[in-house]
Amino acid sequence: MKKSRFTETQNMGVLCQAVGMVRALLKLAGLDWPVPDYSTLCRRQKTLAVRIP
């Protein structure tokens, strides 16, 4: 598995931006779906195995 090219601090910013974008897109789509907050994503990211080809 490849290591992320982002540092832990940069990952925080990327995750925060992703959460905001997803919330905005769901709001535009008129969907009232829950979006996990940054801390939940950060905890799950440590156990999530992602393969980048």
PDB file of N, CA and C in Angstrom:
ATOM      1  N   MET A   1       0.837  -1.174   0.000  1.00  0.00           N
ATOM      2  CA  MET A   1       0.000   0.000   0.000  1.00  0.00           C
ATOM      3  C   MET A   1       0.888   1.245   0.000  1.00  0.00           C
ATOM      4  N   LYS A   2       0.493   2.240  -0.776  1.00  0.00           N
ATOM      5  CA  LYS A   2       1.244   3.494  -0.846  1.00  0.00           C
ATOM      6  C   LYS A   2       0.995   4.342   0.395  1.00  0.00           C
ATOM      7  N   LYS A   3       2.027   5.015   0.827  1.00  0.00           N
ATOM      8  CA  LYS A   3       1.874   5.984   1.915  1.00  0.00           C
ATOM      9  C   LYS A   3       1.242   7.253   1.359  1.00  0.00           C
ATOM     10  N   SER A   4       0.459   7.935   2.187  1.00  0.00           N
ATOM     11  CA  SER A   4      -0.142   9.196   1.777  1.00  0.00           C
ATOM     12  C   SER A   4       0.950  10.242   1.580  1.00  0.00           C
ATOM     13  N   ARG A   5       0.776  11.093   0.589  1.00  0.00           N
ATOM     14  CA  ARG A   5       1.762  12.146   0.369  1.00  0.00           C
ATOM     15  C   ARG A   5       1.473  13.361   1.246  1.00  0.00           C
ATOM     16  N   PHE A   6       0.396  13.298   2.022  1.00  0.00           N
ATOM     17  CA  PHE A   6       0.029  14.393   2.908  1.00  0.00           C
ATOM     18  C   PHE A   6       0.499  14.110   4.324  1.00  0.00           C
ATOM     19  N   THR A   7       0.867  15.156   5.047  1.00  0.00           N
ATOM     20  CA  THR A   7       1.191  14.996   6.460  1.00  0.00           C
ATOM     21  C   THR A   7      -0.112  14.899   7.235  1.00  0.00           C
ATOM     22  N   GLU A   8      -0.026  14.559   8.505  1.00  0.00           N
ATOM     23  CA  GLU A   8      -1.234  14.425   9.324  1.00  0.00           C
ATOM     24  C   GLU A   8      -2.002  15.746   9.402  1.00  0.00           C
ATOM     25  N   THR A   9      -1.290  16.864   9.492  1.00  0.00           N
ATOM     26  CA  THR A   9      -1.939  18.176   9.542  1.00  0.00           C
ATOM     27  C   THR A   9      -2.645  18.478   8.231  1.00  0.00           C
ATOM     28  N   GLN A  10      -2.020  18.134   7.119  1.00  0.00           N
ATOM     29  CA  GLN A  10      -2.653  18.360   5.823  1.00  0.00           C
ATOM     30  C   GLN A  10      -3.872  17.459   5.662  1.00  0.00           C
ATOM     31  N   ASN A  11      -3.803  16.228   6.176  1.00  0.00           N
ATOM     32  CA  ASN A  11      -4.952  15.332   6.124  1.00  0.00           C
ATOM     33  C   ASN A  11      -6.138  15.948   6.844  1.00  0.00           C
ATOM     34  N   MET A  12      -5.891  16.602   7.976  1.00  0.00           N
ATOM     35  CA  MET A  12      -6.955  17.240   8.727  1.00  0.00           C
ATOM     36  C   MET A  12      -7.665  18.270   7.855  1.00  0.00           C
ATOM     37  N   GLY A  13      -6.891  19.086   7.153  1.00  0.00           N
ATOM     38  CA  GLY A  13      -7.487  20.102   6.281  1.00  0.00           C
ATOM     39  C   GLY A  13      -8.260  19.486   5.136  1.00  0.00           C
ATOM     40  N   VAL A  14      -7.713  18.423   4.549  1.00  0.00           N
ATOM     41  CA  VAL A  14      -8.384  17.748   3.439  1.00  0.00           C
ATOM     42  C   VAL A  14      -9.697  17.136   3.906  1.00  0.00           C
ATOM     43  N   LEU A  15      -9.686  16.494   5.079  1.00  0.00           N
ATOM     44  CA  LEU A  15     -10.915  15.890   5.597  1.00  0.00           C
ATOM     45  C   LEU A  15     -11.962  16.950   5.932  1.00  0.00           C
ATOM     46  N   CYS A  16     -11.528  18.045   6.531  1.00  0.00           N
ATOM     47  CA  CYS A  16     -12.470  19.125   6.860  1.00  0.00           C
ATOM     48  C   CYS A  16     -13.100  19.698   5.589  1.00  0.00           C
ATOM     49  N   GLN A  17     -12.296  19.870   4.555  1.00  0.00           N
ATOM     50  CA  GLN A  17     -12.810  20.376   3.289  1.00  0.00           C
ATOM     51  C   GLN A  17     -13.785  19.389   2.664  1.00  0.00           C
ATOM     52  N   ALA A  18     -13.455  18.118   2.737  1.00  0.00           N
ATOM     53  CA  ALA A  18     -14.328  17.084   2.164  1.00  0.00           C
ATOM     54  C   ALA A  18     -15.676  17.048   2.886  1.00  0.00           C
ATOM     55  N   VAL A  19     -15.650  17.148   4.211  1.00  0.00           N
ATOM     56  CA  VAL A  19     -16.891  17.160   4.992  1.00  0.00           C
ATOM     57  C   VAL A  19     -17.752  18.351   4.578  1.00  0.00           C
ATOM     58  N   GLY A  20     -17.142  19.513   4.454  1.00  0.00           N
ATOM     59  CA  GLY A  20     -17.880  20.703   4.049  1.00  0.00           C
ATOM     60  C   GLY A  20     -18.468  20.573   2.661  1.00  0.00           C
ATOM     61  N   MET A  21     -17.704  20.010   1.729  1.00  0.00           N
ATOM     62  CA  MET A  21     -18.189  19.849   0.365  1.00  0.00           C
ATOM     63  C   MET A  21     -19.362  18.868   0.308  1.00  0.00           C
ATOM     64  N   VAL A  22     -19.233  17.768   1.021  1.00  0.00           N
ATOM     65  CA  VAL A  22     -20.313  16.780   1.029  1.00  0.00           C
ATOM     66  C   VAL A  22     -21.577  17.373   1.635  1.00  0.00           C
ATOM     67  N   ARG A  23     -21.430  18.092   2.739  1.00  0.00           N
ATOM     68  CA  ARG A  23     -22.609  18.735   3.359  1.00  0.00           C
ATOM     69  C   ARG A  23     -23.267  19.717   2.392  1.00  0.00           C
ATOM     70  N   ALA A  24     -22.448  20.508   1.688  1.00  0.00           N
ATOM     71  CA  ALA A  24     -22.993  21.485   0.746  1.00  0.00           C
ATOM     72  C   ALA A  24     -23.707  20.795  -0.419  1.00  0.00           C
ATOM     73  N   LEU A  25     -23.112  19.734  -0.940  1.00  0.00           N
ATOM     74  CA  LEU A  25     -23.737  19.009  -2.051  1.00  0.00           C
ATOM     75  C   LEU A  25     -25.053  18.363  -1.633  1.00  0.00           C
ATOM     76  N   LEU A  26     -25.083  17.787  -0.437  1.00  0.00           N
ATOM     77  CA  LEU A  26     -26.324  17.191   0.044  1.00  0.00           C
ATOM     78  C   LEU A  26     -27.402  18.251   0.250  1.00  0.00           C
ATOM     79  N   LYS A  27     -27.005  19.408   0.739  1.00  0.00           N
ATOM     80  CA  LYS A  27     -27.965  20.502   0.932  1.00  0.00           C
ATOM     81  C   LYS A  27     -28.510  20.966  -0.413  1.00  0.00           C
ATOM     82  N   LEU A  28     -27.630  21.113  -1.412  1.00  0.00           N
ATOM     83  CA  LEU A  28     -28.071  21.519  -2.753  1.00  0.00           C
ATOM     84  C   LEU A  28     -29.019  20.487  -3.366  1.00  0.00           C
ATOM     85  N   ALA A  29     -28.775  19.217  -3.064  1.00  0.00           N
ATOM     86  CA  ALA A  29     -29.622  18.148  -3.590  1.00  0.00           C
ATOM     87  C   ALA A  29     -30.923  18.002  -2.803  1.00  0.00           C
ATOM     88  N   GLY A  30     -31.043  18.761  -1.719  1.00  0.00           N
ATOM     89  CA  GLY A  30     -32.259  18.700  -0.909  1.00  0.00           C
ATOM     90  C   GLY A  30     -32.347  17.446  -0.057  1.00  0.00           C
ATOM     91  N   LEU A  31     -31.209  16.848   0.229  1.00  0.00           N
ATOM     92  CA  LEU A  31     -31.182  15.617   1.023  1.00  0.00           C
ATOM     93  C   LEU A  31     -30.780  15.925   2.458  1.00  0.00           C
ATOM     94  N   ASP A  32     -31.486  15.327   3.393  1.00  0.00           N
ATOM     95  CA  ASP A  32     -31.203  15.536   4.813  1.00  0.00           C
ATOM     96  C   ASP A  32     -30.476  14.317   5.366  1.00  0.00           C
ATOM     97  N   TRP A  33     -29.331  14.012   4.768  1.00  0.00           N
ATOM     98  CA  TRP A  33     -28.540  12.856   5.173  1.00  0.00           C
ATOM     99  C   TRP A  33     -27.463  13.296   6.152  1.00  0.00           C
ATOM    100  N   PRO A  34     -27.171  12.471   7.149  1.00  0.00           N
ATOM    101  CA  PRO A  34     -26.097  12.819   8.094  1.00  0.00           C
ATOM    102  C   PRO A  34     -24.718  12.669   7.448  1.00  0.00           C
ATOM    103  N   VAL A  35     -23.826  13.559   7.813  1.00  0.00           N
ATOM    104  CA  VAL A  35     -22.439  13.506   7.343  1.00  0.00           C
ATOM    105  C   VAL A  35     -21.558  13.394   8.583  1.00  0.00           C
ATOM    106  N   PRO A  36     -20.702  12.361   8.635  1.00  0.00           N
ATOM    107  CA  PRO A  36     -19.835  12.225   9.812  1.00  0.00           C
ATOM    108  C   PRO A  36     -18.926  13.445   9.966  1.00  0.00           C
ATOM    109  N   ASP A  37     -18.677  13.827  11.203  1.00  0.00           N
ATOM    110  CA  ASP A  37     -17.799  14.971  11.429  1.00  0.00           C
ATOM    111  C   ASP A  37     -16.340  14.559  11.259  1.00  0.00           C
ATOM    112  N   TYR A  38     -15.472  15.538  11.312  1.00  0.00           N
ATOM    113  CA  TYR A  38     -14.043  15.322  11.066  1.00  0.00           C
ATOM    114  C   TYR A  38     -13.450  14.264  11.987  1.00  0.00           C
ATOM    115  N   SER A  39     -13.771  14.348  13.283  1.00  0.00           N
ATOM    116  CA  SER A  39     -13.139  13.429  14.236  1.00  0.00           C
ATOM    117  C   SER A  39     -13.531  11.970  13.962  1.00  0.00           C
ATOM    118  N   THR A  40     -14.771  11.744  13.538  1.00  0.00           N
ATOM    119  CA  THR A  40     -15.203  10.394  13.194  1.00  0.00           C
ATOM    120  C   THR A  40     -14.441   9.889  11.984  1.00  0.00           C
ATOM    121  N   LEU A  41     -14.311  10.729  10.967  1.00  0.00           N
ATOM    122  CA  LEU A  41     -13.572  10.334   9.771  1.00  0.00           C
ATOM    123  C   LEU A  41     -12.105  10.077  10.084  1.00  0.00           C
ATOM    124  N   CYS A  42     -11.546  10.895  10.942  1.00  0.00           N
ATOM    125  CA  CYS A  42     -10.136  10.755  11.305  1.00  0.00           C
ATOM    126  C   CYS A  42      -9.896   9.421  12.001  1.00  0.00           C
ATOM    127  N   ARG A  43     -10.785   9.042  12.923  1.00  0.00           N
ATOM    128  CA  ARG A  43     -10.647   7.757  13.615  1.00  0.00           C
ATOM    129  C   ARG A  43     -10.789   6.598  12.631  1.00  0.00           C
ATOM    130  N   ARG A  44     -11.759   6.683  11.727  1.00  0.00           N
ATOM    131  CA  ARG A  44     -11.991   5.601  10.770  1.00  0.00           C
ATOM    132  C   ARG A  44     -10.871   5.521   9.740  1.00  0.00           C
ATOM    133  N   GLN A  45     -10.257   6.647   9.430  1.00  0.00           N
ATOM    134  CA  GLN A  45      -9.198   6.674   8.430  1.00  0.00           C
ATOM    135  C   GLN A  45      -8.027   5.804   8.856  1.00  0.00           C
ATOM    136  N   LYS A  46      -7.774   5.707  10.140  1.00  0.00           N
ATOM    137  CA  LYS A  46      -6.641   4.923  10.636  1.00  0.00           C
ATOM    138  C   LYS A  46      -6.830   3.433  10.372  1.00  0.00           C
ATOM    139  N   THR A  47      -8.073   2.967  10.269  1.00  0.00           N
ATOM    140  CA  THR A  47      -8.330   1.548  10.043  1.00  0.00           C
ATOM    141  C   THR A  47      -8.806   1.249   8.632  1.00  0.00           C
ATOM    142  N   LEU A  48      -8.981   2.259   7.815  1.00  0.00           N
ATOM    143  CA  LEU A  48      -9.474   2.081   6.464  1.00  0.00           C
ATOM    144  C   LEU A  48      -8.301   1.828   5.530  1.00  0.00           C
ATOM    145  N   ALA A  49      -8.335   0.702   4.858  1.00  0.00           N
ATOM    146  CA  ALA A  49      -7.277   0.360   3.913  1.00  0.00           C
ATOM    147  C   ALA A  49      -7.708   0.775   2.500  1.00  0.00           C
ATOM    148  N   VAL A  50      -6.988   1.709   1.922  1.00  0.00           N
ATOM    149  CA  VAL A  50      -7.303   2.198   0.576  1.00  0.00           C
ATOM    150  C   VAL A  50      -6.131   1.880  -0.328  1.00  0.00           C
ATOM    151  N   ARG A  51      -6.417   1.237  -1.442  1.00  0.00           N
ATOM    152  CA  ARG A  51      -5.365   0.910  -2.408  1.00  0.00           C
ATOM    153  C   ARG A  51      -5.391   1.940  -3.519  1.00  0.00           C
ATOM    154  N   ILE A  52      -4.276   2.580  -3.744  1.00  0.00           N
ATOM    155  CA  ILE A  52      -4.151   3.552  -4.807  1.00  0.00           C
ATOM    156  C   ILE A  52      -3.308   2.917  -5.913  1.00  0.00           C
ATOM    157  N   PRO A  53      -3.906   2.699  -7.098  1.00  0.00           N
ATOM    158  CA  PRO A  53      -3.153   2.035  -8.176  1.00  0.00           C
ATOM    159  C   PRO A  53      -1.994   2.881  -8.691  1.00  0.00           C
TER     160      PRO A  53
END
